[in-house]
Amino acid sequence: MSLNKPYRYAIYFAGEPQSELWTLGTQWLGRCSMGAEVPGFARINPLNREWRWKMTQHPRRYGWHATLKAPFRLKKDLSVETLLAELQQLSHELTVFELPLLEVKRLKNFLALAPLENQRGIEKIAAAAQQCVEHLSPCAESLTASEIAYRNESRLSEREQVLLQQWGYPYVKELYQFHFTLSDGLDTSSALEIHELTHAAKAWFDFAQPLRFDRIALFVEESKGQDFKFLTDFVIPQ
C-alpha cells in the first residue's frame, strides 16, 4: 500500500487492541490511539477529574503503550513500505514469551505500570527492546543538534549522553526499563496527591496476568506535535 510519510514513528508494545489492559489503559488516559471513543474518561475516586486529566497529558499524547523503540524520523530516502517490510521481518526474528508481572510504582518522577523486582522475563523484554532498536536503527534519521540539546535539558548522565548519540535515545541497553507511563512528572504534586493517584491506579489496574509479549505495534505522529496514532501491529509467529 502507498502511504504518506508521517513526521515520526514509534515501536511499542501495546498488547492486543481491545484487550483488558488496552481498555483499562485507554480509559485511564482518556484517549484511544485507534480513534475509538473512550466512554466518560473513567471516573476514579477520590481523584479530581480535571486534575487527573492534567496529570495524564503527556502519556495521553503518546497513547497507551510501553516503548520498544522511541519515536524517530524515517530516513528521507526510505519509504513507509520499506519500514513496514522491516517490521514484518523483525516480528519473525522475535520470540513469544511471558512478560514479568506488573505493578503500579513510581519510576523517577512519574507513575508507571512496570515489572515487579527480580521477575522472570525482565531480561527477555529488555533484550527484545534492544533487538527492535538495533534492527530499526539503520532506518532512523540521525538526531538534529536541537533534538540532542532538548534531550540534554533533562541533565543526562555521561552514559545516557553516549547512548543518546549512539541510538537516538538515552534509555536503552542496560538503562532500558519496560513500563507503561501513567502520569506526567510528579515534582510539583503534594505527597497527598501522589498517594491518592498511586492508590487509584493500583485499584484501577486489576487485570489478568501474566501478559504475553506476542506482537509489536507501529504508532505514528502524523505531524509535529500531534497525538500518536496506532497504525498497525505485527504478530510474532508462534
Protein backbone atom coordinates (compact mmCIF):
# COMPACT_ATOMS: atom_id res chain seq x y z
CA MET A 1 0.00 0.00 0.00
CA SER A 2 1.07 3.57 -0.59
CA LEU A 3 1.19 5.79 2.49
CA ASN A 4 2.11 9.38 3.17
CA LYS A 5 5.19 9.68 5.36
CA PRO A 6 4.31 10.89 8.87
CA TYR A 7 6.60 13.12 10.91
CA ARG A 8 7.70 10.37 13.33
CA TYR A 9 7.19 6.68 14.09
CA ALA A 10 7.42 4.72 17.32
CA ILE A 11 7.55 0.98 18.01
CA TYR A 12 5.55 -0.01 21.06
CA PHE A 13 4.23 -2.95 22.95
CA ALA A 14 0.56 -2.09 23.47
CA GLY A 15 -0.92 -5.54 23.76
CA GLU A 16 -3.83 -6.74 21.72
CA PRO A 17 -6.17 -3.87 20.78
CA GLN A 18 -9.39 -4.00 22.80
CA SER A 19 -7.82 -6.41 25.31
CA GLU A 20 -8.44 -5.94 29.04
CA LEU A 21 -5.23 -3.99 29.64
CA TRP A 22 -5.71 -1.88 26.49
CA THR A 23 -9.20 -0.93 27.68
CA LEU A 24 -8.04 -0.09 31.21
CA GLY A 25 -5.10 1.93 29.88
CA THR A 26 -7.07 3.96 27.37
CA GLN A 27 -9.74 4.73 29.96
CA TRP A 28 -7.09 5.81 32.47
CA LEU A 29 -5.54 8.17 29.91
CA GLY A 30 -8.85 9.26 28.41
CA ARG A 31 -7.81 8.58 24.83
CA CYS A 32 -7.73 5.63 22.43
CA SER A 33 -4.93 5.80 19.86
CA MET A 34 -7.13 3.92 17.38
CA GLY A 35 -9.64 6.77 17.44
CA ALA A 36 -12.39 4.92 19.31
CA GLU A 37 -14.45 6.84 21.81
CA VAL A 38 -13.42 6.43 25.44
CA PRO A 39 -16.62 6.50 27.47
CA GLY A 40 -16.63 9.20 30.06
CA PHE A 41 -12.91 9.34 30.95
CA ALA A 42 -13.20 6.76 33.73
CA ARG A 43 -14.19 8.44 36.97
CA ILE A 44 -11.81 7.09 39.54
CA ASN A 45 -12.49 8.23 43.07
CA PRO A 46 -11.16 10.01 45.03
CA LEU A 47 -9.31 11.84 42.24
CA ASN A 48 -10.46 15.15 40.91
CA ARG A 49 -11.27 14.61 37.24
CA GLU A 50 -9.71 17.86 35.98
CA TRP A 51 -6.53 17.27 37.98
CA ARG A 52 -6.14 13.71 36.66
CA TRP A 53 -6.73 14.95 33.10
CA LYS A 54 -3.90 17.43 33.59
CA MET A 55 -1.65 14.81 35.20
CA THR A 56 -2.03 12.41 32.23
CA GLN A 57 -1.48 14.97 29.47
CA HIS A 58 1.95 13.74 28.34
CA PRO A 59 1.25 9.97 28.23
CA ARG A 60 -2.14 10.65 26.62
CA ARG A 61 -0.43 12.26 23.61
CA TYR A 62 1.78 9.20 23.06
CA GLY A 63 -1.05 6.70 23.51
CA TRP A 64 -1.32 3.63 25.74
CA HIS A 65 1.96 1.77 25.28
CA ALA A 66 5.30 0.52 26.56
CA THR A 67 8.18 1.79 24.43
CA LEU A 68 10.36 -0.64 22.48
CA LYS A 69 11.92 1.90 20.10
CA ALA A 70 11.37 5.53 20.96
CA PRO A 71 9.92 7.96 18.38
CA PHE A 72 12.15 8.53 15.36
CA ARG A 73 12.07 10.13 11.93
CA LEU A 74 12.41 7.83 8.93
CA LYS A 75 15.39 8.49 6.66
CA LYS A 76 14.41 10.65 3.72
CA ASP A 77 15.33 8.07 1.10
CA LEU A 78 13.21 5.33 2.72
CA SER A 79 9.51 4.74 2.15
CA VAL A 80 6.83 3.76 4.61
CA GLU A 81 6.56 0.46 2.74
CA THR A 82 10.23 -0.21 3.50
CA LEU A 83 9.63 0.36 7.19
CA LEU A 84 6.63 -1.96 7.16
CA ALA A 85 8.71 -4.65 5.47
CA GLU A 86 11.45 -4.25 8.10
CA LEU A 87 8.89 -4.56 10.89
CA GLN A 88 7.45 -7.69 9.32
CA GLN A 89 10.93 -9.20 9.19
CA LEU A 90 11.64 -8.11 12.76
CA SER A 91 8.46 -9.75 14.01
CA HIS A 92 9.70 -13.06 12.60
CA GLU A 93 13.02 -12.67 14.42
CA LEU A 94 11.40 -12.05 17.81
CA THR A 95 10.05 -14.78 20.06
CA VAL A 96 6.88 -15.03 22.14
CA PHE A 97 7.30 -15.14 25.92
CA GLU A 98 5.50 -14.27 29.15
CA LEU A 99 6.10 -10.76 30.41
CA PRO A 100 7.10 -10.26 34.04
CA LEU A 101 4.30 -9.46 36.46
CA LEU A 102 3.47 -5.76 36.52
CA GLU A 103 2.61 -3.39 39.35
CA VAL A 104 1.93 0.32 39.75
CA LYS A 105 5.05 2.06 41.01
CA ARG A 106 6.93 5.33 40.85
CA LEU A 107 9.77 5.48 38.31
CA LYS A 108 11.97 8.52 38.76
CA ASN A 109 9.42 11.35 38.88
CA PHE A 110 6.36 9.71 37.31
CA LEU A 111 3.91 6.90 37.95
CA ALA A 112 4.09 3.77 35.80
CA LEU A 113 2.92 0.20 35.40
CA ALA A 114 6.20 -1.69 35.49
CA PRO A 115 7.66 -5.10 36.41
CA LEU A 116 7.97 -6.19 39.99
CA GLU A 117 11.55 -6.52 41.11
CA ASN A 118 13.51 -9.67 40.25
CA GLN A 119 10.85 -11.12 37.98
CA ARG A 120 11.49 -13.67 35.26
CA GLY A 121 11.12 -12.06 31.88
CA ILE A 122 12.72 -8.70 32.67
CA GLU A 123 15.88 -9.64 30.78
CA LYS A 124 13.84 -11.04 27.90
CA ILE A 125 11.81 -7.87 27.36
CA ALA A 126 14.93 -5.71 27.63
CA ALA A 127 16.65 -7.90 25.02
CA ALA A 128 13.59 -7.72 22.75
CA ALA A 129 13.51 -3.93 23.04
CA GLN A 130 17.22 -3.69 22.17
CA GLN A 131 16.62 -6.02 19.22
CA CYS A 132 13.98 -3.57 17.96
CA VAL A 133 16.34 -0.63 18.46
CA GLU A 134 19.24 -2.26 16.63
CA HIS A 135 17.14 -3.68 13.79
CA LEU A 136 15.48 -0.35 13.03
CA SER A 137 18.41 1.95 13.73
CA PRO A 138 19.52 1.94 10.04
CA CYS A 139 16.04 3.24 9.12
CA ALA A 140 16.13 6.18 11.54
CA GLU A 141 17.30 9.68 10.71
CA SER A 142 20.05 10.98 12.98
CA LEU A 143 19.01 13.41 15.67
CA THR A 144 19.49 17.09 14.92
CA ALA A 145 21.58 19.31 17.17
CA SER A 146 18.41 20.89 18.54
CA GLU A 147 16.93 17.45 19.33
CA ILE A 148 20.07 16.45 21.20
CA ALA A 149 20.06 19.74 23.09
CA TYR A 150 16.41 19.21 24.01
CA ARG A 151 17.19 15.78 25.43
CA ASN A 152 20.13 17.15 27.37
CA GLU A 153 17.86 19.63 29.13
CA SER A 154 16.97 16.65 31.32
CA ARG A 155 20.56 16.69 32.64
CA LEU A 156 21.53 13.33 31.22
CA SER A 157 24.38 11.40 32.77
CA GLU A 158 27.53 10.77 30.78
CA ARG A 159 26.37 7.23 29.94
CA GLU A 160 22.94 8.49 28.89
CA GLN A 161 24.54 11.03 26.58
CA VAL A 162 26.63 8.29 24.96
CA LEU A 163 23.53 6.14 24.37
CA LEU A 164 21.63 9.14 23.03
CA GLN A 165 24.34 9.80 20.45
CA GLN A 166 24.62 6.13 19.50
CA TRP A 167 20.97 5.07 19.45
CA GLY A 168 18.95 8.29 19.35
CA TYR A 169 17.54 7.68 22.84
CA PRO A 170 19.27 7.56 26.23
CA TYR A 171 17.26 4.80 27.92
CA VAL A 172 18.33 1.72 26.00
CA LYS A 173 20.53 -1.32 26.69
CA GLU A 174 21.25 -1.59 30.43
CA LEU A 175 19.24 1.60 31.12
CA TYR A 176 16.07 0.31 29.50
CA GLN A 177 13.02 -0.05 31.76
CA PHE A 178 9.89 -1.65 30.37
CA HIS A 179 6.87 0.34 31.56
CA PHE A 180 3.52 1.90 30.71
CA THR A 181 3.54 5.58 31.71
CA LEU A 182 0.57 6.57 33.87
CA SER A 183 1.29 10.21 34.73
CA ASP A 184 3.20 13.35 33.99
CA GLY A 185 6.03 14.38 36.29
CA LEU A 186 5.11 14.46 39.96
CA ASP A 187 7.64 17.10 41.04
CA THR A 188 5.03 19.75 41.78
CA SER A 189 2.47 17.37 43.30
CA SER A 190 1.91 17.13 47.03
CA ALA A 191 2.55 13.95 49.00
CA LEU A 192 -1.22 13.55 49.44
CA GLU A 193 -1.87 13.94 45.69
CA ILE A 194 0.81 11.37 44.85
CA HIS A 195 -0.62 8.97 47.43
CA GLU A 196 -4.15 9.34 46.07
CA LEU A 197 -3.00 8.97 42.45
CA THR A 198 -0.99 5.85 43.30
CA HIS A 199 -3.84 4.33 45.31
CA ALA A 200 -6.32 4.98 42.49
CA ALA A 201 -4.00 3.50 39.87
CA LYS A 202 -3.39 0.36 41.93
CA ALA A 203 -7.13 -0.13 42.33
CA TRP A 204 -7.80 0.55 38.65
CA PHE A 205 -5.18 -1.70 37.09
CA ASP A 206 -6.51 -5.01 38.35
CA PHE A 207 -6.14 -7.31 35.35
CA ALA A 208 -5.26 -10.88 34.47
CA GLN A 209 -1.54 -11.61 34.50
CA PRO A 210 0.91 -12.59 33.16
CA LEU A 211 0.68 -10.94 29.75
CA ARG A 212 2.36 -12.37 26.68
CA PHE A 213 4.83 -10.49 24.53
CA ASP A 214 3.35 -11.63 21.24
CA ARG A 215 3.25 -8.55 18.98
CA ILE A 216 4.82 -5.19 18.24
CA ALA A 217 2.84 -2.09 17.28
CA LEU A 218 3.63 0.77 14.91
CA PHE A 219 2.42 4.19 16.04
CA VAL A 220 2.73 7.40 14.03
CA GLU A 221 2.89 11.11 14.77
CA GLU A 222 1.41 12.46 11.55
CA SER A 223 2.75 15.98 12.01
CA LYS A 224 4.96 17.54 14.68
CA GLY A 225 3.16 17.86 17.98
CA GLN A 226 0.12 15.78 17.04
CA ASP A 227 -1.07 12.83 19.11
CA PHE A 228 0.46 9.46 18.24
CA LYS A 229 -1.93 7.07 16.49
CA PHE A 230 -1.94 3.30 16.24
CA LEU A 231 -1.27 2.34 12.61
CA THR A 232 -0.87 -1.44 12.70
CA ASP A 233 0.67 -4.26 14.65
CA PHE A 234 2.78 -7.28 13.76
CA VAL A 235 2.01 -10.55 15.48
CA ILE A 236 5.05 -12.64 16.38
CA PRO A 237 4.71 -16.16 14.94
CA GLN A 238 4.43 -18.94 17.50
